[in-house]
Amino acid sequence: QVQLVESGGGLVQPGGSLRLSCAASGRSFSMNAMGWYRQAPGKQRELVATITSGGSTNYADSVKGRFTISRDNAKNTVYLQMNSLNPEDTAVYYCKVFTVIREYWGQGTQVTVSS
């Protein structure tokens, strides 16, 4: 059974940093693209960043230069380093794995940016 478990969320002051992790279990996703999405209250879920199996990355304009997505295939884990956080980054952050057959989602981790 495939599971994606996010961690690393929390409360941080504006300008601060957090590092999110998403650990996958049940099968290897080293050959699959992985990504991070977020959903703020009252808003639709949106793409934050993606990374291919080869390490190519893509970012939403709103996070370019501040967030960095990376992966460790040996650990079956994808990371999101978030710097210079601002209140607009407050949301539940979800990781996602893309496969030919289906998508897998984690349960989400809350990130709150507030003074």
PDB file of N, CA and C in Angstrom:
ATOM      1  N   GLN A   1       0.842  -1.182   0.000  1.00  0.00           N
ATOM      2  CA  GLN A   1       0.000   0.000   0.000  1.00  0.00           C
ATOM      3  C   GLN A   1       0.885   1.243   0.000  1.00  0.00           C
ATOM      4  N   VAL A   2       0.629   2.132  -0.945  1.00  0.00           N
ATOM      5  CA  VAL A   2       1.424   3.341  -1.066  1.00  0.00           C
ATOM      6  C   VAL A   2       0.964   4.364  -0.037  1.00  0.00           C
ATOM      7  N   GLN A   3       1.938   4.976   0.615  1.00  0.00           N
ATOM      8  CA  GLN A   3       1.651   6.068   1.541  1.00  0.00           C
ATOM      9  C   GLN A   3       2.637   7.197   1.311  1.00  0.00           C
ATOM     10  N   LEU A   4       2.137   8.419   1.378  1.00  0.00           N
ATOM     11  CA  LEU A   4       2.973   9.614   1.349  1.00  0.00           C
ATOM     12  C   LEU A   4       2.730  10.359   2.650  1.00  0.00           C
ATOM     13  N   VAL A   5       3.796  10.602   3.392  1.00  0.00           N
ATOM     14  CA  VAL A   5       3.659  11.243   4.691  1.00  0.00           C
ATOM     15  C   VAL A   5       4.491  12.519   4.710  1.00  0.00           C
ATOM     16  N   GLU A   6       3.784  13.649   4.819  1.00  0.00           N
ATOM     17  CA  GLU A   6       4.472  14.940   4.890  1.00  0.00           C
ATOM     18  C   GLU A   6       4.805  15.274   6.334  1.00  0.00           C
ATOM     19  N   SER A   7       5.862  16.058   6.498  1.00  0.00           N
ATOM     20  CA  SER A   7       6.246  16.554   7.814  1.00  0.00           C
ATOM     21  C   SER A   7       7.016  17.847   7.640  1.00  0.00           C
ATOM     22  N   GLY A   8       7.201  18.553   8.765  1.00  0.00           N
ATOM     23  CA  GLY A   8       7.999  19.767   8.730  1.00  0.00           C
ATOM     24  C   GLY A   8       7.223  21.061   8.775  1.00  0.00           C
ATOM     25  N   GLY A   9       5.911  20.972   8.714  1.00  0.00           N
ATOM     26  CA  GLY A   9       5.112  22.192   8.782  1.00  0.00           C
ATOM     27  C   GLY A   9       5.112  22.775  10.187  1.00  0.00           C
ATOM     28  N   GLY A  10       4.524  23.966  10.289  1.00  0.00           N
ATOM     29  CA  GLY A  10       4.442  24.598  11.593  1.00  0.00           C
ATOM     30  C   GLY A  10       4.192  26.080  11.475  1.00  0.00           C
ATOM     31  N   LEU A  11       4.397  26.767  12.587  1.00  0.00           N
ATOM     32  CA  LEU A  11       4.222  28.216  12.654  1.00  0.00           C
ATOM     33  C   LEU A  11       5.584  28.883  12.542  1.00  0.00           C
ATOM     34  N   VAL A  12       5.678  29.863  11.664  1.00  0.00           N
ATOM     35  CA  VAL A  12       6.938  30.572  11.467  1.00  0.00           C
ATOM     36  C   VAL A  12       6.647  32.045  11.262  1.00  0.00           C
ATOM     37  N   GLN A  13       7.571  32.889  11.679  1.00  0.00           N
ATOM     38  CA  GLN A  13       7.404  34.327  11.500  1.00  0.00           C
ATOM     39  C   GLN A  13       7.724  34.733  10.067  1.00  0.00           C
ATOM     40  N   PRO A  14       7.152  35.827   9.613  1.00  0.00           N
ATOM     41  CA  PRO A  14       7.504  36.326   8.271  1.00  0.00           C
ATOM     42  C   PRO A  14       9.012  36.488   8.123  1.00  0.00           C
ATOM     43  N   GLY A  15       9.510  36.058   6.967  1.00  0.00           N
ATOM     44  CA  GLY A  15      10.945  36.091   6.727  1.00  0.00           C
ATOM     45  C   GLY A  15      11.657  34.829   7.133  1.00  0.00           C
ATOM     46  N   GLY A  16      10.959  33.941   7.821  1.00  0.00           N
ATOM     47  CA  GLY A  16      11.565  32.709   8.300  1.00  0.00           C
ATOM     48  C   GLY A  16      11.603  31.609   7.252  1.00  0.00           C
ATOM     49  N   SER A  17      12.085  30.452   7.688  1.00  0.00           N
ATOM     50  CA  SER A  17      12.254  29.314   6.783  1.00  0.00           C
ATOM     51  C   SER A  17      11.670  28.048   7.398  1.00  0.00           C
ATOM     52  N   LEU A  18      11.264  27.155   6.529  1.00  0.00           N
ATOM     53  CA  LEU A  18      10.835  25.814   6.911  1.00  0.00           C
ATOM     54  C   LEU A  18      11.291  24.842   5.835  1.00  0.00           C
ATOM     55  N   ARG A  19      11.491  23.601   6.241  1.00  0.00           N
ATOM     56  CA  ARG A  19      11.810  22.553   5.279  1.00  0.00           C
ATOM     57  C   ARG A  19      10.781  21.443   5.426  1.00  0.00           C
ATOM     58  N   LEU A  20      10.023  21.220   4.364  1.00  0.00           N
ATOM     59  CA  LEU A  20       9.034  20.157   4.353  1.00  0.00           C
ATOM     60  C   LEU A  20       9.640  18.888   3.770  1.00  0.00           C
ATOM     61  N   SER A  21       9.204  17.761   4.288  1.00  0.00           N
ATOM     62  CA  SER A  21       9.615  16.463   3.770  1.00  0.00           C
ATOM     63  C   SER A  21       8.379  15.647   3.435  1.00  0.00           C
ATOM     64  N   CYS A  22       8.515  14.816   2.433  1.00  0.00           N
ATOM     65  CA  CYS A  22       7.438  13.885   2.073  1.00  0.00           C
ATOM     66  C   CYS A  22       8.083  12.533   1.816  1.00  0.00           C
ATOM     67  N   ALA A  23       7.829  11.609   2.724  1.00  0.00           N
ATOM     68  CA  ALA A  23       8.404  10.276   2.617  1.00  0.00           C
ATOM     69  C   ALA A  23       7.381   9.313   2.024  1.00  0.00           C
ATOM     70  N   ALA A  24       7.776   8.638   0.970  1.00  0.00           N
ATOM     71  CA  ALA A  24       6.898   7.680   0.313  1.00  0.00           C
ATOM     72  C   ALA A  24       7.250   6.266   0.745  1.00  0.00           C
ATOM     73  N   SER A  25       6.257   5.441   0.857  1.00  0.00           N
ATOM     74  CA  SER A  25       6.463   4.033   1.196  1.00  0.00           C
ATOM     75  C   SER A  25       5.522   3.175   0.369  1.00  0.00           C
ATOM     76  N   GLY A  26       5.828   1.914   0.264  1.00  0.00           N
ATOM     77  CA  GLY A  26       4.994   0.984  -0.467  1.00  0.00           C
ATOM     78  C   GLY A  26       5.550   0.623  -1.831  1.00  0.00           C
ATOM     79  N   ARG A  27       6.312   1.521  -2.426  1.00  0.00           N
ATOM     80  CA  ARG A  27       6.997   1.258  -3.694  1.00  0.00           C
ATOM     81  C   ARG A  27       7.973   2.379  -3.946  1.00  0.00           C
ATOM     82  N   SER A  28       8.882   2.165  -4.854  1.00  0.00           N
ATOM     83  CA  SER A  28       9.858   3.195  -5.202  1.00  0.00           C
ATOM     84  C   SER A  28       9.265   4.141  -6.231  1.00  0.00           C
ATOM     85  N   PHE A  29       9.543   5.433  -6.039  1.00  0.00           N
ATOM     86  CA  PHE A  29       9.100   6.450  -6.989  1.00  0.00           C
ATOM     87  C   PHE A  29      10.284   7.149  -7.642  1.00  0.00           C
ATOM     88  N   SER A  30      11.418   6.464  -7.688  1.00  0.00           N
ATOM     89  CA  SER A  30      12.608   7.092  -8.241  1.00  0.00           C
ATOM     90  C   SER A  30      12.456   7.434  -9.719  1.00  0.00           C
ATOM     91  N   MET A  31      11.573   6.771 -10.430  1.00  0.00           N
ATOM     92  CA  MET A  31      11.370   7.020 -11.851  1.00  0.00           C
ATOM     93  C   MET A  31      10.168   7.929 -12.117  1.00  0.00           C
ATOM     94  N   ASN A  32       9.599   8.497 -11.067  1.00  0.00           N
ATOM     95  CA  ASN A  32       8.390   9.310 -11.206  1.00  0.00           C
ATOM     96  C   ASN A  32       8.636  10.757 -10.810  1.00  0.00           C
ATOM     97  N   ALA A  33       7.899  11.638 -11.468  1.00  0.00           N
ATOM     98  CA  ALA A  33       7.901  13.033 -11.052  1.00  0.00           C
ATOM     99  C   ALA A  33       7.159  13.162  -9.725  1.00  0.00           C
ATOM    100  N   MET A  34       7.612  14.124  -8.937  1.00  0.00           N
ATOM    101  CA  MET A  34       6.990  14.393  -7.648  1.00  0.00           C
ATOM    102  C   MET A  34       6.776  15.901  -7.527  1.00  0.00           C
ATOM    103  N   GLY A  35       5.868  16.290  -6.658  1.00  0.00           N
ATOM    104  CA  GLY A  35       5.609  17.714  -6.557  1.00  0.00           C
ATOM    105  C   GLY A  35       5.000  18.113  -5.230  1.00  0.00           C
ATOM    106  N   TRP A  36       4.954  19.412  -5.042  1.00  0.00           N
ATOM    107  CA  TRP A  36       4.312  20.017  -3.876  1.00  0.00           C
ATOM    108  C   TRP A  36       3.203  20.941  -4.352  1.00  0.00           C
ATOM    109  N   TYR A  37       2.089  20.866  -3.676  1.00  0.00           N
ATOM    110  CA  TYR A  37       0.952  21.740  -3.925  1.00  0.00           C
ATOM    111  C   TYR A  37       0.545  22.347  -2.583  1.00  0.00           C
ATOM    112  N   ARG A  38      -0.267  23.384  -2.652  1.00  0.00           N
ATOM    113  CA  ARG A  38      -0.765  23.988  -1.421  1.00  0.00           C
ATOM    114  C   ARG A  38      -2.180  24.477  -1.619  1.00  0.00           C
ATOM    115  N   GLN A  39      -2.897  24.547  -0.498  1.00  0.00           N
ATOM    116  CA  GLN A  39      -4.265  25.039  -0.528  1.00  0.00           C
ATOM    117  C   GLN A  39      -4.474  25.940   0.668  1.00  0.00           C
ATOM    118  N   ALA A  40      -4.752  27.197   0.382  1.00  0.00           N
ATOM    119  CA  ALA A  40      -5.046  28.174   1.421  1.00  0.00           C
ATOM    120  C   ALA A  40      -6.549  28.182   1.690  1.00  0.00           C
ATOM    121  N   PRO A  41      -6.973  28.645   2.854  1.00  0.00           N
ATOM    122  CA  PRO A  41      -8.402  28.669   3.172  1.00  0.00           C
ATOM    123  C   PRO A  41      -9.199  29.432   2.127  1.00  0.00           C
ATOM    124  N   GLY A  42     -10.249  28.826   1.628  1.00  0.00           N
ATOM    125  CA  GLY A  42     -11.116  29.476   0.660  1.00  0.00           C
ATOM    126  C   GLY A  42     -10.571  29.536  -0.752  1.00  0.00           C
ATOM    127  N   LYS A  43      -9.429  28.893  -0.987  1.00  0.00           N
ATOM    128  CA  LYS A  43      -8.820  28.930  -2.312  1.00  0.00           C
ATOM    129  C   LYS A  43      -8.646  27.526  -2.864  1.00  0.00           C
ATOM    130  N   GLN A  44      -8.452  27.451  -4.168  1.00  0.00           N
ATOM    131  CA  GLN A  44      -8.212  26.162  -4.798  1.00  0.00           C
ATOM    132  C   GLN A  44      -6.772  25.709  -4.549  1.00  0.00           C
ATOM    133  N   ARG A  45      -6.587  24.399  -4.615  1.00  0.00           N
ATOM    134  CA  ARG A  45      -5.244  23.858  -4.495  1.00  0.00           C
ATOM    135  C   ARG A  45      -4.418  24.310  -5.696  1.00  0.00           C
ATOM    136  N   GLU A  46      -3.178  24.696  -5.444  1.00  0.00           N
ATOM    137  CA  GLU A  46      -2.334  25.205  -6.518  1.00  0.00           C
ATOM    138  C   GLU A  46      -0.964  24.549  -6.498  1.00  0.00           C
ATOM    139  N   LEU A  47      -0.359  24.518  -7.674  1.00  0.00           N
ATOM    140  CA  LEU A  47       0.984  23.976  -7.803  1.00  0.00           C
ATOM    141  C   LEU A  47       1.989  24.894  -7.136  1.00  0.00           C
ATOM    142  N   VAL A  48       2.927  24.293  -6.412  1.00  0.00           N
ATOM    143  CA  VAL A  48       4.038  25.044  -5.844  1.00  0.00           C
ATOM    144  C   VAL A  48       5.315  24.734  -6.624  1.00  0.00           C
ATOM    145  N   ALA A  49       5.641  23.448  -6.743  1.00  0.00           N
ATOM    146  CA  ALA A  49       6.869  23.053  -7.433  1.00  0.00           C
ATOM    147  C   ALA A  49       6.790  21.584  -7.805  1.00  0.00           C
ATOM    148  N   THR A  50       7.500  21.233  -8.878  1.00  0.00           N
ATOM    149  CA  THR A  50       7.607  19.835  -9.275  1.00  0.00           C
ATOM    150  C   THR A  50       9.058  19.500  -9.591  1.00  0.00           C
ATOM    151  N   ILE A  51       9.365  18.222  -9.528  1.00  0.00           N
ATOM    152  CA  ILE A  51      10.707  17.750  -9.865  1.00  0.00           C
ATOM    153  C   ILE A  51      10.566  16.419 -10.588  1.00  0.00           C
ATOM    154  N   THR A  52      11.275  16.301 -11.710  1.00  0.00           N
ATOM    155  CA  THR A  52      11.212  15.066 -12.478  1.00  0.00           C
ATOM    156  C   THR A  52      12.163  14.028 -11.892  1.00  0.00           C
ATOM    157  N   SER A  53      12.092  12.832 -12.438  1.00  0.00           N
ATOM    158  CA  SER A  53      12.998  11.779 -11.985  1.00  0.00           C
ATOM    159  C   SER A  53      14.452  12.160 -12.265  1.00  0.00           C
ATOM    160  N   GLY A  54      14.659  12.974 -13.287  1.00  0.00           N
ATOM    161  CA  GLY A  54      16.010  13.400 -13.640  1.00  0.00           C
ATOM    162  C   GLY A  54      16.477  14.631 -12.914  1.00  0.00           C
ATOM    163  N   GLY A  55      15.594  15.212 -12.114  1.00  0.00           N
ATOM    164  CA  GLY A  55      15.984  16.365 -11.311  1.00  0.00           C
ATOM    165  C   GLY A  55      15.608  17.723 -11.881  1.00  0.00           C
ATOM    166  N   SER A  56      14.917  17.744 -13.019  1.00  0.00           N
ATOM    167  CA  SER A  56      14.467  19.026 -13.556  1.00  0.00           C
ATOM    168  C   SER A  56      13.336  19.571 -12.696  1.00  0.00           C
ATOM    169  N   THR A  57      13.369  20.871 -12.458  1.00  0.00           N
ATOM    170  CA  THR A  57      12.405  21.482 -11.547  1.00  0.00           C
ATOM    171  C   THR A  57      11.558  22.540 -12.233  1.00  0.00           C
ATOM    172  N   ASN A  58      10.398  22.783 -11.631  1.00  0.00           N
ATOM    173  CA  ASN A  58       9.481  23.805 -12.117  1.00  0.00           C
ATOM    174  C   ASN A  58       8.833  24.433 -10.891  1.00  0.00           C
ATOM    175  N   TYR A  59       8.665  25.761 -10.919  1.00  0.00           N
ATOM    176  CA  TYR A  59       8.137  26.482  -9.769  1.00  0.00           C
ATOM    177  C   TYR A  59       7.018  27.426 -10.177  1.00  0.00           C
ATOM    178  N   ALA A  60       6.082  27.609  -9.267  1.00  0.00           N
ATOM    179  CA  ALA A  60       5.100  28.668  -9.431  1.00  0.00           C
ATOM    180  C   ALA A  60       5.823  30.008  -9.342  1.00  0.00           C
ATOM    181  N   ASP A  61       5.349  30.982 -10.090  1.00  0.00           N
ATOM    182  CA  ASP A  61       5.998  32.293 -10.089  1.00  0.00           C
ATOM    183  C   ASP A  61       6.070  32.893  -8.683  1.00  0.00           C
ATOM    184  N   SER A  62       5.066  32.609  -7.881  1.00  0.00           N
ATOM    185  CA  SER A  62       4.986  33.215  -6.560  1.00  0.00           C
ATOM    186  C   SER A  62       6.067  32.717  -5.595  1.00  0.00           C
ATOM    187  N   VAL A  63       6.698  31.597  -5.921  1.00  0.00           N
ATOM    188  CA  VAL A  63       7.705  31.048  -5.007  1.00  0.00           C
ATOM    189  C   VAL A  63       9.104  30.997  -5.615  1.00  0.00           C
ATOM    190  N   LYS A  64       9.237  31.367  -6.869  1.00  0.00           N
ATOM    191  CA  LYS A  64      10.547  31.324  -7.525  1.00  0.00           C
ATOM    192  C   LYS A  64      11.552  32.180  -6.769  1.00  0.00           C
ATOM    193  N   GLY A  65      12.730  31.620  -6.578  1.00  0.00           N
ATOM    194  CA  GLY A  65      13.773  32.340  -5.858  1.00  0.00           C
ATOM    195  C   GLY A  65      13.694  32.209  -4.348  1.00  0.00           C
ATOM    196  N   ARG A  66      12.579  31.682  -3.845  1.00  0.00           N
ATOM    197  CA  ARG A  66      12.417  31.529  -2.391  1.00  0.00           C
ATOM    198  C   ARG A  66      12.335  30.057  -1.970  1.00  0.00           C
ATOM    199  N   PHE A  67      11.724  29.232  -2.802  1.00  0.00           N
ATOM    200  CA  PHE A  67      11.524  27.819  -2.492  1.00  0.00           C
ATOM    201  C   PHE A  67      12.427  26.966  -3.377  1.00  0.00           C
ATOM    202  N   THR A  68      12.859  25.841  -2.837  1.00  0.00           N
ATOM    203  CA  THR A  68      13.662  24.890  -3.596  1.00  0.00           C
ATOM    204  C   THR A  68      13.145  23.476  -3.353  1.00  0.00           C
ATOM    205  N   ILE A  69      12.812  22.797  -4.450  1.00  0.00           N
ATOM    206  CA  ILE A  69      12.377  21.408  -4.356  1.00  0.00           C
ATOM    207  C   ILE A  69      13.570  20.502  -4.657  1.00  0.00           C
ATOM    208  N   SER A  70      13.656  19.399  -3.935  1.00  0.00           N
ATOM    209  CA  SER A  70      14.732  18.438  -4.164  1.00  0.00           C
ATOM    210  C   SER A  70      14.215  17.052  -3.805  1.00  0.00           C
ATOM    211  N   ARG A  71      15.000  16.059  -4.159  1.00  0.00           N
ATOM    212  CA  ARG A  71      14.574  14.691  -3.866  1.00  0.00           C
ATOM    213  C   ARG A  71      15.778  13.831  -3.526  1.00  0.00           C
ATOM    214  N   ASP A  72      15.522  12.804  -2.732  1.00  0.00           N
ATOM    215  CA  ASP A  72      16.524  11.800  -2.405  1.00  0.00           C
ATOM    216  C   ASP A  72      15.906  10.455  -2.766  1.00  0.00           C
ATOM    217  N   ASN A  73      16.281   9.927  -3.904  1.00  0.00           N
ATOM    218  CA  ASN A  73      15.662   8.684  -4.372  1.00  0.00           C
ATOM    219  C   ASN A  73      15.992   7.505  -3.464  1.00  0.00           C
ATOM    220  N   ALA A  74      17.151   7.528  -2.854  1.00  0.00           N
ATOM    221  CA  ALA A  74      17.513   6.435  -1.947  1.00  0.00           C
ATOM    222  C   ALA A  74      16.572   6.384  -0.749  1.00  0.00           C
ATOM    223  N   LYS A  75      16.071   7.551  -0.359  1.00  0.00           N
ATOM    224  CA  LYS A  75      15.143   7.621   0.768  1.00  0.00           C
ATOM    225  C   LYS A  75      13.692   7.709   0.313  1.00  0.00           C
ATOM    226  N   ASN A  76      13.477   7.719  -1.017  1.00  0.00           N
ATOM    227  CA  ASN A  76      12.107   7.821  -1.540  1.00  0.00           C
ATOM    228  C   ASN A  76      11.397   9.047  -0.971  1.00  0.00           C
ATOM    229  N   THR A  77      12.120  10.157  -0.919  1.00  0.00           N
ATOM    230  CA  THR A  77      11.641  11.355  -0.239  1.00  0.00           C
ATOM    231  C   THR A  77      11.833  12.582  -1.113  1.00  0.00           C
ATOM    232  N   VAL A  78      10.853  13.468  -1.061  1.00  0.00           N
ATOM    233  CA  VAL A  78      10.953  14.762  -1.734  1.00  0.00           C
ATOM    234  C   VAL A  78      10.888  15.849  -0.670  1.00  0.00           C
ATOM    235  N   TYR A  79      11.633  16.917  -0.896  1.00  0.00           N
ATOM    236  CA  TYR A  79      11.744  18.001   0.073  1.00  0.00           C
ATOM    237  C   TYR A  79      11.299  19.321  -0.557  1.00  0.00           C
ATOM    238  N   LEU A  80      10.925  20.252   0.309  1.00  0.00           N
ATOM    239  CA  LEU A  80      10.648  21.611  -0.122  1.00  0.00           C
ATOM    240  C   LEU A  80      11.266  22.550   0.901  1.00  0.00           C
ATOM    241  N   GLN A  81      12.346  23.199   0.499  1.00  0.00           N
ATOM    242  CA  GLN A  81      12.978  24.211   1.337  1.00  0.00           C
ATOM    243  C   GLN A  81      12.303  25.538   1.048  1.00  0.00           C
ATOM    244  N   MET A  82      11.753  26.153   2.089  1.00  0.00           N
ATOM    245  CA  MET A  82      11.007  27.395   1.921  1.00  0.00           C
ATOM    246  C   MET A  82      11.695  28.499   2.715  1.00  0.00           C
ATOM    247  N   ASN A  83      12.146  29.508   2.014  1.00  0.00           N
ATOM    248  CA  ASN A  83      12.819  30.647   2.635  1.00  0.00           C
ATOM    249  C   ASN A  83      12.022  31.923   2.396  1.00  0.00           C
ATOM    250  N   SER A  84      12.341  32.938   3.166  1.00  0.00           N
ATOM    251  CA  SER A  84      11.672  34.242   3.020  1.00  0.00           C
ATOM    252  C   SER A  84      10.159  34.090   2.996  1.00  0.00           C
ATOM    253  N   LEU A  85       9.653  33.332   3.919  1.00  0.00           N
ATOM    254  CA  LEU A  85       8.216  33.075   3.964  1.00  0.00           C
ATOM    255  C   LEU A  85       7.444  34.342   4.303  1.00  0.00           C
ATOM    256  N   ASN A  86       6.264  34.459   3.719  1.00  0.00           N
ATOM    257  CA  ASN A  86       5.382  35.593   4.012  1.00  0.00           C
ATOM    258  C   ASN A  86       3.980  35.063   4.307  1.00  0.00           C
ATOM    259  N   PRO A  87       3.112  35.877   4.861  1.00  0.00           N
ATOM    260  CA  PRO A  87       1.771  35.391   5.245  1.00  0.00           C
ATOM    261  C   PRO A  87       0.984  34.767   4.092  1.00  0.00           C
ATOM    262  N   GLU A  88       1.281  35.194   2.872  1.00  0.00           N
ATOM    263  CA  GLU A  88       0.571  34.630   1.719  1.00  0.00           C
ATOM    264  C   GLU A  88       0.959  33.178   1.447  1.00  0.00           C
ATOM    265  N   ASP A  89       2.008  32.702   2.084  1.00  0.00           N
ATOM    266  CA  ASP A  89       2.422  31.306   1.945  1.00  0.00           C
ATOM    267  C   ASP A  89       1.665  30.385   2.908  1.00  0.00           C
ATOM    268  N   THR A  90       0.849  30.955   3.772  1.00  0.00           N
ATOM    269  CA  THR A  90       0.075  30.155   4.711  1.00  0.00           C
ATOM    270  C   THR A  90      -0.898  29.254   3.964  1.00  0.00           C
ATOM    271  N   ALA A  91      -0.810  27.960   4.218  1.00  0.00           N
ATOM    272  CA  ALA A  91      -1.639  26.985   3.512  1.00  0.00           C
ATOM    273  C   ALA A  91      -1.353  25.591   4.057  1.00  0.00           C
ATOM    274  N   VAL A  92      -2.160  24.652   3.640  1.00  0.00           N
ATOM    275  CA  VAL A  92      -1.821  23.245   3.838  1.00  0.00           C
ATOM    276  C   VAL A  92      -1.025  22.807   2.609  1.00  0.00           C
ATOM    277  N   TYR A  93       0.121  22.221   2.851  1.00  0.00           N
ATOM    278  CA  TYR A  93       1.005  21.796   1.776  1.00  0.00           C
ATOM    279  C   TYR A  93       0.910  20.283   1.597  1.00  0.00           C
ATOM    280  N   TYR A  94       0.723  19.881   0.345  1.00  0.00           N
ATOM    281  CA  TYR A  94       0.551  18.475   0.000  1.00  0.00           C
ATOM    282  C   TYR A  94       1.639  18.028  -0.970  1.00  0.00           C
ATOM    283  N   CYS A  95       2.128  16.820  -0.794  1.00  0.00           N
ATOM    284  CA  CYS A  95       3.016  16.271  -1.816  1.00  0.00           C
ATOM    285  C   CYS A  95       2.219  15.341  -2.717  1.00  0.00           C
ATOM    286  N   LYS A  96       2.725  15.179  -3.914  1.00  0.00           N
ATOM    287  CA  LYS A  96       2.027  14.406  -4.936  1.00  0.00           C
ATOM    288  C   LYS A  96       3.056  13.642  -5.757  1.00  0.00           C
ATOM    289  N   VAL A  97       2.709  12.423  -6.123  1.00  0.00           N
ATOM    290  CA  VAL A  97       3.537  11.627  -7.016  1.00  0.00           C
ATOM    291  C   VAL A  97       2.739  11.316  -8.266  1.00  0.00           C
ATOM    292  N   PHE A  98       3.374  11.505  -9.391  1.00  0.00           N
ATOM    293  CA  PHE A  98       2.725  11.279 -10.689  1.00  0.00           C
ATOM    294  C   PHE A  98       3.135   9.912 -11.221  1.00  0.00           C
ATOM    295  N   THR A  99       2.161   9.073 -11.542  1.00  0.00           N
ATOM    296  CA  THR A  99       2.455   7.825 -12.232  1.00  0.00           C
ATOM    297  C   THR A  99       1.566   7.736 -13.469  1.00  0.00           C
ATOM    298  N   VAL A 100       1.840   6.776 -14.312  1.00  0.00           N
ATOM    299  CA  VAL A 100       1.058   6.608 -15.541  1.00  0.00           C
ATOM    300  C   VAL A 100      -0.386   6.260 -15.195  1.00  0.00           C
ATOM    301  N   ILE A 101      -0.542   5.462 -14.146  1.00  0.00           N
ATOM    302  CA  ILE A 101      -1.877   4.951 -13.819  1.00  0.00           C
ATOM    303  C   ILE A 101      -2.667   5.932 -12.971  1.00  0.00           C
ATOM    304  N   ARG A 102      -2.022   6.562 -12.007  1.00  0.00           N
ATOM    305  CA  ARG A 102      -2.770   7.414 -11.079  1.00  0.00           C
ATOM    306  C   ARG A 102      -1.838   8.386 -10.390  1.00  0.00           C
ATOM    307  N   GLU A 103      -2.449   9.250  -9.579  1.00  0.00           N
ATOM    308  CA  GLU A 103      -1.697  10.171  -8.745  1.00  0.00           C
ATOM    309  C   GLU A 103      -1.826   9.736  -7.290  1.00  0.00           C
ATOM    310  N   TYR A 104      -0.791   9.979  -6.536  1.00  0.00           N
ATOM    311  CA  TYR A 104      -0.831   9.716  -5.102  1.00  0.00           C
ATOM    312  C   TYR A 104      -0.637  11.033  -4.367  1.00  0.00           C
ATOM    313  N   TRP A 105      -1.420  11.219  -3.302  1.00  0.00           N
ATOM    314  CA  TRP A 105      -1.361  12.438  -2.511  1.00  0.00           C
ATOM    315  C   TRP A 105      -1.066  12.096  -1.055  1.00  0.00           C
ATOM    316  N   GLY A 106      -0.342  13.001  -0.403  1.00  0.00           N
ATOM    317  CA  GLY A 106      -0.174  12.897   1.032  1.00  0.00           C
ATOM    318  C   GLY A 106      -1.351  13.533   1.749  1.00  0.00           C
ATOM    319  N   GLN A 107      -1.302  13.492   3.074  1.00  0.00           N
ATOM    320  CA  GLN A 107      -2.414  14.003   3.874  1.00  0.00           C
ATOM    321  C   GLN A 107      -2.302  15.495   4.135  1.00  0.00           C
ATOM    322  N   GLY A 108      -1.153  16.066   3.856  1.00  0.00           N
ATOM    323  CA  GLY A 108      -0.967  17.501   4.024  1.00  0.00           C
ATOM    324  C   GLY A 108      -0.309  17.874   5.339  1.00  0.00           C
ATOM    325  N   THR A 109       0.389  19.000   5.315  1.00  0.00           N
ATOM    326  CA  THR A 109       0.996  19.555   6.523  1.00  0.00           C
ATOM    327  C   THR A 109       0.748  21.058   6.536  1.00  0.00           C
ATOM    328  N   GLN A 110       0.330  21.573   7.679  1.00  0.00           N
ATOM    329  CA  GLN A 110      -0.039  22.980   7.777  1.00  0.00           C
ATOM    330  C   GLN A 110       1.206  23.850   7.929  1.00  0.00           C
ATOM    331  N   VAL A 111       1.253  24.906   7.136  1.00  0.00           N
ATOM    332  CA  VAL A 111       2.279  25.939   7.265  1.00  0.00           C
ATOM    333  C   VAL A 111       1.566  27.255   7.544  1.00  0.00           C
ATOM    334  N   THR A 112       1.915  27.877   8.642  1.00  0.00           N
ATOM    335  CA  THR A 112       1.320  29.162   9.021  1.00  0.00           C
ATOM    336  C   THR A 112       2.434  30.179   9.201  1.00  0.00           C
ATOM    337  N   VAL A 113       2.319  31.274   8.461  1.00  0.00           N
ATOM    338  CA  VAL A 113       3.308  32.347   8.540  1.00  0.00           C
ATOM    339  C   VAL A 113       2.635  33.545   9.186  1.00  0.00           C
ATOM    340  N   SER A 114       3.062  33.847  10.392  1.00  0.00           N
ATOM    341  CA  SER A 114       2.407  34.906  11.149  1.00  0.00           C
ATOM    342  C   SER A 114       3.350  35.414  12.231  1.00  0.00           C
ATOM    343  N   SER A 115       3.204  36.715  12.522  1.00  0.00           N
ATOM    344  CA  SER A 115       3.984  37.303  13.616  1.00  0.00           C
ATOM    345  C   SER A 115       3.191  37.255  14.918  1.00  0.00           C
TER     346      SER A 115
END
